[in-house]
Amino acid sequence: AQGEYREIPLSQLEKGVERPLVIEINDSLKIALAEA
């Protein structure tokens, strides 16, 4: 949770990635996978 953020392709995700996970779909759409 206090780790350093990196911008990577989703195909290079590593195990244990924190949430929220922001994903850049295109210039007019950003999404975030989260938990509530």
PDB file of all heavy atoms in Angstrom:
ATOM      1  N   ALA A   1       0.817  -1.209   0.000  1.00  0.00           N
ATOM      2  CA  ALA A   1       0.000   0.000   0.000  1.00  0.00           C
ATOM      3  C   ALA A   1       0.849   1.256   0.000  1.00  0.00           C
ATOM      4  O   ALA A   1       0.401   2.318  -0.432  1.00  0.00           O
ATOM      5  CB  ALA A   1      -0.935  -0.008   1.209  1.00  0.00           C
ATOM      6  N   GLN A   2       2.067   1.173   0.499  1.00  0.00           N
ATOM      7  CA  GLN A   2       2.978   2.321   0.506  1.00  0.00           C
ATOM      8  C   GLN A   2       4.045   2.196  -0.580  1.00  0.00           C
ATOM      9  O   GLN A   2       5.036   2.906  -0.569  1.00  0.00           O
ATOM     10  CB  GLN A   2       3.659   2.437   1.873  1.00  0.00           C
ATOM     11  CG  GLN A   2       2.683   2.609   3.024  1.00  0.00           C
ATOM     12  CD  GLN A   2       3.370   2.518   4.369  1.00  0.00           C
ATOM     13  OE1 GLN A   2       3.940   3.480   4.846  1.00  0.00           O
ATOM     14  NE2 GLN A   2       3.340   1.336   4.976  1.00  0.00           N
ATOM     15  N   GLY A   3       3.831   1.276  -1.512  1.00  0.00           N
ATOM     16  CA  GLY A   3       4.823   1.004  -2.528  1.00  0.00           C
ATOM     17  C   GLY A   3       4.872   2.075  -3.599  1.00  0.00           C
ATOM     18  O   GLY A   3       4.035   2.974  -3.684  1.00  0.00           O
ATOM     19  N   GLU A   4       5.843   1.944  -4.479  1.00  0.00           N
ATOM     20  CA  GLU A   4       6.041   2.896  -5.554  1.00  0.00           C
ATOM     21  C   GLU A   4       5.202   2.505  -6.768  1.00  0.00           C
ATOM     22  O   GLU A   4       5.242   1.367  -7.229  1.00  0.00           O
ATOM     23  CB  GLU A   4       7.521   2.944  -5.942  1.00  0.00           C
ATOM     24  CG  GLU A   4       7.847   3.962  -7.009  1.00  0.00           C
ATOM     25  CD  GLU A   4       9.329   4.046  -7.297  1.00  0.00           C
ATOM     26  OE1 GLU A   4      10.115   3.381  -6.588  1.00  0.00           O
ATOM     27  OE2 GLU A   4       9.702   4.777  -8.235  1.00  0.00           O
ATOM     28  N   TYR A   5       4.432   3.446  -7.263  1.00  0.00           N
ATOM     29  CA  TYR A   5       3.612   3.197  -8.441  1.00  0.00           C
ATOM     30  C   TYR A   5       4.466   3.138  -9.702  1.00  0.00           C
ATOM     31  O   TYR A   5       5.461   3.863  -9.840  1.00  0.00           O
ATOM     32  CB  TYR A   5       2.573   4.302  -8.617  1.00  0.00           C
ATOM     33  CG  TYR A   5       1.307   4.090  -7.834  1.00  0.00           C
ATOM     34  CD1 TYR A   5       1.135   4.668  -6.568  1.00  0.00           C
ATOM     35  CD2 TYR A   5       0.271   3.327  -8.348  1.00  0.00           C
ATOM     36  CE1 TYR A   5      -0.031   4.489  -5.856  1.00  0.00           C
ATOM     37  CE2 TYR A   5      -0.904   3.135  -7.638  1.00  0.00           C
ATOM     38  CZ  TYR A   5      -1.051   3.719  -6.393  1.00  0.00           C
ATOM     39  OH  TYR A   5      -2.208   3.530  -5.677  1.00  0.00           O
ATOM     40  N   ARG A   6       4.025   2.278 -10.629  1.00  0.00           N
ATOM     41  CA  ARG A   6       4.642   2.192 -11.949  1.00  0.00           C
ATOM     42  C   ARG A   6       3.539   2.094 -12.994  1.00  0.00           C
ATOM     43  O   ARG A   6       2.526   1.438 -12.763  1.00  0.00           O
ATOM     44  CB  ARG A   6       5.549   0.960 -12.054  1.00  0.00           C
ATOM     45  CG  ARG A   6       6.747   0.978 -11.114  1.00  0.00           C
ATOM     46  CD  ARG A   6       7.610  -0.249 -11.318  1.00  0.00           C
ATOM     47  NE  ARG A   6       6.866  -1.466 -11.024  1.00  0.00           N
ATOM     48  CZ  ARG A   6       6.969  -2.601 -11.716  1.00  0.00           C
ATOM     49  NH1 ARG A   6       7.759  -2.660 -12.778  1.00  0.00           N
ATOM     50  NH2 ARG A   6       6.278  -3.668 -11.380  1.00  0.00           N
ATOM     51  N   GLU A   7       3.750   2.734 -14.130  1.00  0.00           N
ATOM     52  CA  GLU A   7       2.839   2.596 -15.254  1.00  0.00           C
ATOM     53  C   GLU A   7       3.340   1.462 -16.136  1.00  0.00           C
ATOM     54  O   GLU A   7       4.437   1.528 -16.681  1.00  0.00           O
ATOM     55  CB  GLU A   7       2.765   3.889 -16.061  1.00  0.00           C
ATOM     56  CG  GLU A   7       1.740   3.834 -17.186  1.00  0.00           C
ATOM     57  CD  GLU A   7       1.784   5.057 -18.068  1.00  0.00           C
ATOM     58  OE1 GLU A   7       2.827   5.733 -18.108  1.00  0.00           O
ATOM     59  OE2 GLU A   7       0.772   5.340 -18.734  1.00  0.00           O
ATOM     60  N   ILE A   8       2.521   0.393 -16.259  1.00  0.00           N
ATOM     61  CA  ILE A   8       2.924  -0.795 -17.010  1.00  0.00           C
ATOM     62  C   ILE A   8       1.735  -1.308 -17.812  1.00  0.00           C
ATOM     63  O   ILE A   8       0.584  -0.969 -17.522  1.00  0.00           O
ATOM     64  CB  ILE A   8       3.431  -1.916 -16.074  1.00  0.00           C
ATOM     65  CG1 ILE A   8       2.325  -2.341 -15.095  1.00  0.00           C
ATOM     66  CG2 ILE A   8       4.701  -1.498 -15.333  1.00  0.00           C
ATOM     67  CD1 ILE A   8       2.682  -3.544 -14.244  1.00  0.00           C
ATOM     68  N   PRO A   9       1.958  -2.141 -18.827  1.00  0.00           N
ATOM     69  CA  PRO A   9       0.836  -2.814 -19.495  1.00  0.00           C
ATOM     70  C   PRO A   9       0.185  -3.811 -18.538  1.00  0.00           C
ATOM     71  O   PRO A   9       0.862  -4.410 -17.697  1.00  0.00           O
ATOM     72  CB  PRO A   9       1.498  -3.535 -20.672  1.00  0.00           C
ATOM     73  CG  PRO A   9       2.858  -2.957 -20.798  1.00  0.00           C
ATOM     74  CD  PRO A   9       3.256  -2.473 -19.446  1.00  0.00           C
ATOM     75  N   LEU A  10      -1.114  -3.988 -18.652  1.00  0.00           N
ATOM     76  CA  LEU A  10      -1.788  -4.912 -17.727  1.00  0.00           C
ATOM     77  C   LEU A  10      -1.272  -6.335 -17.869  1.00  0.00           C
ATOM     78  O   LEU A  10      -1.362  -7.133 -16.929  1.00  0.00           O
ATOM     79  CB  LEU A  10      -3.305  -4.831 -17.878  1.00  0.00           C
ATOM     80  CG  LEU A  10      -4.015  -5.318 -19.136  1.00  0.00           C
ATOM     81  CD1 LEU A  10      -4.236  -6.824 -19.157  1.00  0.00           C
ATOM     82  CD2 LEU A  10      -5.359  -4.608 -19.280  1.00  0.00           C
ATOM     83  N   SER A  11      -0.688  -6.666 -19.020  1.00  0.00           N
ATOM     84  CA  SER A  11      -0.121  -8.005 -19.206  1.00  0.00           C
ATOM     85  C   SER A  11       1.128  -8.228 -18.357  1.00  0.00           C
ATOM     86  O   SER A  11       1.598  -9.359 -18.246  1.00  0.00           O
ATOM     87  CB  SER A  11       0.215  -8.239 -20.681  1.00  0.00           C
ATOM     88  OG  SER A  11       1.176  -7.296 -21.133  1.00  0.00           O
ATOM     89  N   GLN A  12       1.665  -7.164 -17.768  1.00  0.00           N
ATOM     90  CA  GLN A  12       2.858  -7.288 -16.938  1.00  0.00           C
ATOM     91  C   GLN A  12       2.559  -7.131 -15.447  1.00  0.00           C
ATOM     92  O   GLN A  12       3.468  -6.954 -14.636  1.00  0.00           O
ATOM     93  CB  GLN A  12       3.898  -6.253 -17.367  1.00  0.00           C
ATOM     94  CG  GLN A  12       4.454  -6.485 -18.759  1.00  0.00           C
ATOM     95  CD  GLN A  12       5.471  -5.432 -19.160  1.00  0.00           C
ATOM     96  OE1 GLN A  12       6.032  -4.726 -18.333  1.00  0.00           O
ATOM     97  NE2 GLN A  12       5.718  -5.323 -20.462  1.00  0.00           N
ATOM     98  N   LEU A  13       1.288  -7.195 -15.080  1.00  0.00           N
ATOM     99  CA  LEU A  13       0.935  -7.112 -13.661  1.00  0.00           C
ATOM    100  C   LEU A  13       1.616  -8.220 -12.872  1.00  0.00           C
ATOM    101  O   LEU A  13       1.780  -9.344 -13.352  1.00  0.00           O
ATOM    102  CB  LEU A  13      -0.579  -7.226 -13.476  1.00  0.00           C
ATOM    103  CG  LEU A  13      -1.404  -5.959 -13.711  1.00  0.00           C
ATOM    104  CD1 LEU A  13      -2.881  -6.294 -13.634  1.00  0.00           C
ATOM    105  CD2 LEU A  13      -1.056  -4.878 -12.705  1.00  0.00           C
ATOM    106  N   GLU A  14       1.987  -7.864 -11.636  1.00  0.00           N
ATOM    107  CA  GLU A  14       2.574  -8.833 -10.724  1.00  0.00           C
ATOM    108  C   GLU A  14       1.576  -9.163  -9.624  1.00  0.00           C
ATOM    109  O   GLU A  14       0.618  -8.426  -9.384  1.00  0.00           O
ATOM    110  CB  GLU A  14       3.857  -8.262 -10.118  1.00  0.00           C
ATOM    111  CG  GLU A  14       4.900  -7.860 -11.146  1.00  0.00           C
ATOM    112  CD  GLU A  14       6.071  -7.140 -10.510  1.00  0.00           C
ATOM    113  OE1 GLU A  14       6.498  -7.554  -9.421  1.00  0.00           O
ATOM    114  OE2 GLU A  14       6.546  -6.149 -11.093  1.00  0.00           O
ATOM    115  N   LYS A  15       1.824 -10.224  -8.925  1.00  0.00           N
ATOM    116  CA  LYS A  15       0.905 -10.696  -7.890  1.00  0.00           C
ATOM    117  C   LYS A  15       0.835  -9.713  -6.722  1.00  0.00           C
ATOM    118  O   LYS A  15       1.845  -9.160  -6.300  1.00  0.00           O
ATOM    119  CB  LYS A  15       1.376 -12.061  -7.379  1.00  0.00           C
ATOM    120  CG  LYS A  15       0.394 -12.740  -6.463  1.00  0.00           C
ATOM    121  CD  LYS A  15       0.881 -14.138  -6.134  1.00  0.00           C
ATOM    122  CE  LYS A  15      -0.142 -14.877  -5.315  1.00  0.00           C
ATOM    123  NZ  LYS A  15       0.290 -16.258  -5.013  1.00  0.00           N
ATOM    124  N   GLY A  16      -0.380  -9.518  -6.220  1.00  0.00           N
ATOM    125  CA  GLY A  16      -0.548  -8.720  -5.017  1.00  0.00           C
ATOM    126  C   GLY A  16      -0.696  -7.237  -5.250  1.00  0.00           C
ATOM    127  O   GLY A  16      -0.409  -6.437  -4.357  1.00  0.00           O
ATOM    128  N   VAL A  17      -1.155  -6.811  -6.431  1.00  0.00           N
ATOM    129  CA  VAL A  17      -1.302  -5.393  -6.725  1.00  0.00           C
ATOM    130  C   VAL A  17      -2.453  -4.802  -5.906  1.00  0.00           C
ATOM    131  O   VAL A  17      -3.528  -5.379  -5.807  1.00  0.00           O
ATOM    132  CB  VAL A  17      -1.552  -5.181  -8.227  1.00  0.00           C
ATOM    133  CG1 VAL A  17      -1.911  -3.733  -8.530  1.00  0.00           C
ATOM    134  CG2 VAL A  17      -0.320  -5.596  -9.020  1.00  0.00           C
ATOM    135  N   GLU A  18      -2.197  -3.633  -5.325  1.00  0.00           N
ATOM    136  CA  GLU A  18      -3.170  -2.974  -4.456  1.00  0.00           C
ATOM    137  C   GLU A  18      -4.322  -2.366  -5.252  1.00  0.00           C
ATOM    138  O   GLU A  18      -4.231  -2.139  -6.448  1.00  0.00           O
ATOM    139  CB  GLU A  18      -2.480  -1.874  -3.643  1.00  0.00           C
ATOM    140  CG  GLU A  18      -2.170  -2.276  -2.210  1.00  0.00           C
ATOM    141  CD  GLU A  18      -3.418  -2.301  -1.333  1.00  0.00           C
ATOM    142  OE1 GLU A  18      -4.553  -2.144  -1.835  1.00  0.00           O
ATOM    143  OE2 GLU A  18      -3.244  -2.504  -0.117  1.00  0.00           O
ATOM    144  N   ARG A  19      -5.387  -2.093  -4.522  1.00  0.00           N
ATOM    145  CA  ARG A  19      -6.525  -1.386  -5.078  1.00  0.00           C
ATOM    146  C   ARG A  19      -6.611  -0.009  -4.445  1.00  0.00           C
ATOM    147  O   ARG A  19      -6.145   0.156  -3.326  1.00  0.00           O
ATOM    148  CB  ARG A  19      -7.824  -2.183  -4.883  1.00  0.00           C
ATOM    149  CG  ARG A  19      -8.336  -2.246  -3.441  1.00  0.00           C
ATOM    150  CD  ARG A  19      -7.741  -3.381  -2.670  1.00  0.00           C
ATOM    151  NE  ARG A  19      -8.435  -3.583  -1.433  1.00  0.00           N
ATOM    152  CZ  ARG A  19      -8.164  -2.960  -0.277  1.00  0.00           C
ATOM    153  NH1 ARG A  19      -7.223  -2.064  -0.193  1.00  0.00           N
ATOM    154  NH2 ARG A  19      -8.856  -3.248   0.805  1.00  0.00           N
ATOM    155  N   PRO A  20      -7.170   1.004  -5.155  1.00  0.00           N
ATOM    156  CA  PRO A  20      -7.732   0.952  -6.500  1.00  0.00           C
ATOM    157  C   PRO A  20      -6.650   0.795  -7.573  1.00  0.00           C
ATOM    158  O   PRO A  20      -5.535   1.276  -7.412  1.00  0.00           O
ATOM    159  CB  PRO A  20      -8.438   2.304  -6.657  1.00  0.00           C
ATOM    160  CG  PRO A  20      -8.510   2.904  -5.303  1.00  0.00           C
ATOM    161  CD  PRO A  20      -7.357   2.345  -4.548  1.00  0.00           C
ATOM    162  N   LEU A  21      -7.028   0.123  -8.663  1.00  0.00           N
ATOM    163  CA  LEU A  21      -6.135  -0.084  -9.794  1.00  0.00           C
ATOM    164  C   LEU A  21      -6.670   0.731 -10.970  1.00  0.00           C
ATOM    165  O   LEU A  21      -7.711   0.404 -11.548  1.00  0.00           O
ATOM    166  CB  LEU A  21      -6.074  -1.561 -10.154  1.00  0.00           C
ATOM    167  CG  LEU A  21      -5.231  -1.932 -11.377  1.00  0.00           C
ATOM    168  CD1 LEU A  21      -3.770  -1.539 -11.177  1.00  0.00           C
ATOM    169  CD2 LEU A  21      -5.348  -3.413 -11.693  1.00  0.00           C
ATOM    170  N   VAL A  22      -5.963   1.804 -11.312  1.00  0.00           N
ATOM    171  CA  VAL A  22      -6.403   2.693 -12.381  1.00  0.00           C
ATOM    172  C   VAL A  22      -5.921   2.151 -13.725  1.00  0.00           C
ATOM    173  O   VAL A  22      -4.745   1.785 -13.879  1.00  0.00           O
ATOM    174  CB  VAL A  22      -5.887   4.125 -12.156  1.00  0.00           C
ATOM    175  CG1 VAL A  22      -6.183   5.009 -13.375  1.00  0.00           C
ATOM    176  CG2 VAL A  22      -6.533   4.726 -10.913  1.00  0.00           C
ATOM    177  N   ILE A  23      -6.849   2.121 -14.690  1.00  0.00           N
ATOM    178  CA  ILE A  23      -6.571   1.595 -16.030  1.00  0.00           C
ATOM    179  C   ILE A  23      -6.924   2.670 -17.050  1.00  0.00           C
ATOM    180  O   ILE A  23      -8.039   3.215 -17.032  1.00  0.00           O
ATOM    181  CB  ILE A  23      -7.400   0.321 -16.297  1.00  0.00           C
ATOM    182  CG1 ILE A  23      -7.161  -0.711 -15.182  1.00  0.00           C
ATOM    183  CG2 ILE A  23      -7.056  -0.272 -17.664  1.00  0.00           C
ATOM    184  CD1 ILE A  23      -8.111  -1.895 -15.234  1.00  0.00           C
ATOM    185  N   GLU A  24      -5.993   2.991 -17.931  1.00  0.00           N
ATOM    186  CA  GLU A  24      -6.210   4.024 -18.941  1.00  0.00           C
ATOM    187  C   GLU A  24      -6.729   3.367 -20.229  1.00  0.00           C
ATOM    188  O   GLU A  24      -5.957   2.801 -21.001  1.00  0.00           O
ATOM    189  CB  GLU A  24      -4.915   4.790 -19.191  1.00  0.00           C
ATOM    190  CG  GLU A  24      -4.373   5.451 -17.923  1.00  0.00           C
ATOM    191  CD  GLU A  24      -3.462   6.627 -18.217  1.00  0.00           C
ATOM    192  OE1 GLU A  24      -3.506   7.148 -19.342  1.00  0.00           O
ATOM    193  OE2 GLU A  24      -2.705   7.022 -17.316  1.00  0.00           O
ATOM    194  N   ILE A  25      -8.038   3.434 -20.428  1.00  0.00           N
ATOM    195  CA  ILE A  25      -8.660   2.797 -21.598  1.00  0.00           C
ATOM    196  C   ILE A  25      -8.361   3.596 -22.866  1.00  0.00           C
ATOM    197  O   ILE A  25      -7.932   3.043 -23.881  1.00  0.00           O
ATOM    198  CB  ILE A  25     -10.175   2.652 -21.392  1.00  0.00           C
ATOM    199  CG1 ILE A  25     -10.478   1.843 -20.110  1.00  0.00           C
ATOM    200  CG2 ILE A  25     -10.815   1.986 -22.607  1.00  0.00           C
ATOM    201  CD1 ILE A  25      -9.971   0.425 -20.114  1.00  0.00           C
ATOM    202  N   ASN A  26      -8.573   4.910 -22.814  1.00  0.00           N
ATOM    203  CA  ASN A  26      -8.229   5.798 -23.928  1.00  0.00           C
ATOM    204  C   ASN A  26      -8.210   7.223 -23.404  1.00  0.00           C
ATOM    205  O   ASN A  26      -8.336   7.458 -22.193  1.00  0.00           O
ATOM    206  CB  ASN A  26      -9.198   5.628 -25.116  1.00  0.00           C
ATOM    207  CG  ASN A  26     -10.647   5.815 -24.708  1.00  0.00           C
ATOM    208  OD1 ASN A  26     -10.990   6.760 -24.006  1.00  0.00           O
ATOM    209  ND2 ASN A  26     -11.506   4.893 -25.146  1.00  0.00           N
ATOM    210  N   ASP A  27      -8.067   8.195 -24.305  1.00  0.00           N
ATOM    211  CA  ASP A  27      -7.955   9.593 -23.888  1.00  0.00           C
ATOM    212  C   ASP A  27      -9.227  10.124 -23.246  1.00  0.00           C
ATOM    213  O   ASP A  27      -9.187  11.144 -22.542  1.00  0.00           O
ATOM    214  CB  ASP A  27      -7.596  10.473 -25.092  1.00  0.00           C
ATOM    215  CG  ASP A  27      -6.172  10.242 -25.575  1.00  0.00           C
ATOM    216  OD1 ASP A  27      -5.374   9.687 -24.788  1.00  0.00           O
ATOM    217  OD2 ASP A  27      -5.871  10.601 -26.729  1.00  0.00           O
ATOM    218  N   SER A  28     -10.348   9.463 -23.471  1.00  0.00           N
ATOM    219  CA  SER A  28     -11.615   9.952 -22.926  1.00  0.00           C
ATOM    220  C   SER A  28     -12.271   8.963 -21.963  1.00  0.00           C
ATOM    221  O   SER A  28     -13.443   9.110 -21.637  1.00  0.00           O
ATOM    222  CB  SER A  28     -12.588  10.278 -24.065  1.00  0.00           C
ATOM    223  OG  SER A  28     -12.827   9.135 -24.863  1.00  0.00           O
ATOM    224  N   LEU A  29     -11.506   7.993 -21.494  1.00  0.00           N
ATOM    225  CA  LEU A  29     -12.040   7.036 -20.528  1.00  0.00           C
ATOM    226  C   LEU A  29     -10.935   6.469 -19.647  1.00  0.00           C
ATOM    227  O   LEU A  29      -9.969   5.880 -20.135  1.00  0.00           O
ATOM    228  CB  LEU A  29     -12.769   5.888 -21.238  1.00  0.00           C
ATOM    229  CG  LEU A  29     -13.315   4.774 -20.323  1.00  0.00           C
ATOM    230  CD1 LEU A  29     -14.296   5.338 -19.294  1.00  0.00           C
ATOM    231  CD2 LEU A  29     -13.975   3.669 -21.139  1.00  0.00           C
ATOM    232  N   LYS A  30     -11.108   6.676 -18.345  1.00  0.00           N
ATOM    233  CA  LYS A  30     -10.247   6.063 -17.329  1.00  0.00           C
ATOM    234  C   LYS A  30     -11.161   5.267 -16.400  1.00  0.00           C
ATOM    235  O   LYS A  30     -12.261   5.719 -16.057  1.00  0.00           O
ATOM    236  CB  LYS A  30      -9.490   7.117 -16.522  1.00  0.00           C
ATOM    237  CG  LYS A  30      -8.687   8.111 -17.358  1.00  0.00           C
ATOM    238  CD  LYS A  30      -7.497   7.470 -18.017  1.00  0.00           C
ATOM    239  CE  LYS A  30      -6.617   8.496 -18.720  1.00  0.00           C
ATOM    240  NZ  LYS A  30      -7.238   9.086 -19.921  1.00  0.00           N
ATOM    241  N   ILE A  31     -10.725   4.094 -15.989  1.00  0.00           N
ATOM    242  CA  ILE A  31     -11.504   3.311 -15.028  1.00  0.00           C
ATOM    243  C   ILE A  31     -10.603   2.928 -13.856  1.00  0.00           C
ATOM    244  O   ILE A  31      -9.369   3.008 -13.946  1.00  0.00           O
ATOM    245  CB  ILE A  31     -12.129   2.052 -15.659  1.00  0.00           C
ATOM    246  CG1 ILE A  31     -11.069   0.990 -15.961  1.00  0.00           C
ATOM    247  CG2 ILE A  31     -12.918   2.412 -16.912  1.00  0.00           C
ATOM    248  CD1 ILE A  31     -11.665  -0.350 -16.378  1.00  0.00           C
ATOM    249  N   ALA A  32     -11.225   2.519 -12.760  1.00  0.00           N
ATOM    250  CA  ALA A  32     -10.473   2.056 -11.596  1.00  0.00           C
ATOM    251  C   ALA A  32     -11.194   0.862 -10.985  1.00  0.00           C
ATOM    252  O   ALA A  32     -12.397   0.943 -10.698  1.00  0.00           O
ATOM    253  CB  ALA A  32     -10.315   3.169 -10.560  1.00  0.00           C
ATOM    254  N   LEU A  33     -10.479  -0.233 -10.810  1.00  0.00           N
ATOM    255  CA  LEU A  33     -11.013  -1.405 -10.112  1.00  0.00           C
ATOM    256  C   LEU A  33     -10.785  -1.199  -8.620  1.00  0.00           C
ATOM    257  O   LEU A  33      -9.649  -0.984  -8.179  1.00  0.00           O
ATOM    258  CB  LEU A  33     -10.312  -2.681 -10.584  1.00  0.00           C
ATOM    259  CG  LEU A  33     -10.330  -2.969 -12.083  1.00  0.00           C
ATOM    260  CD1 LEU A  33      -9.668  -4.321 -12.373  1.00  0.00           C
ATOM    261  CD2 LEU A  33     -11.736  -2.925 -12.650  1.00  0.00           C
ATOM    262  N   ALA A  34     -11.851  -1.265  -7.844  1.00  0.00           N
ATOM    263  CA  ALA A  34     -11.761  -0.921  -6.428  1.00  0.00           C
ATOM    264  C   ALA A  34     -12.612  -1.868  -5.596  1.00  0.00           C
ATOM    265  O   ALA A  34     -13.250  -2.792  -6.113  1.00  0.00           O
ATOM    266  CB  ALA A  34     -12.186   0.530  -6.215  1.00  0.00           C
ATOM    267  N   GLU A  35     -12.630  -1.605  -4.302  1.00  0.00           N
ATOM    268  CA  GLU A  35     -13.377  -2.424  -3.346  1.00  0.00           C
ATOM    269  C   GLU A  35     -14.065  -1.499  -2.359  1.00  0.00           C
ATOM    270  O   GLU A  35     -13.516  -0.461  -1.975  1.00  0.00           O
ATOM    271  CB  GLU A  35     -12.415  -3.365  -2.606  1.00  0.00           C
ATOM    272  CG  GLU A  35     -13.084  -4.272  -1.591  1.00  0.00           C
ATOM    273  CD  GLU A  35     -12.124  -5.325  -1.031  1.00  0.00           C
ATOM    274  OE1 GLU A  35     -10.903  -5.061  -0.965  1.00  0.00           O
ATOM    275  OE2 GLU A  35     -12.605  -6.405  -0.661  1.00  0.00           O
ATOM    276  N   ALA A  36     -15.277  -1.847  -1.932  1.00  0.00           N
ATOM    277  CA  ALA A  36     -16.011  -1.055  -0.951  1.00  0.00           C
ATOM    278  C   ALA A  36     -16.669  -1.962   0.074  1.00  0.00           C
ATOM    279  O   ALA A  36     -17.028  -3.110  -0.218  1.00  0.00           O
ATOM    280  CB  ALA A  36     -17.071  -0.188  -1.642  1.00  0.00           C
TER     281      ALA A  36
END
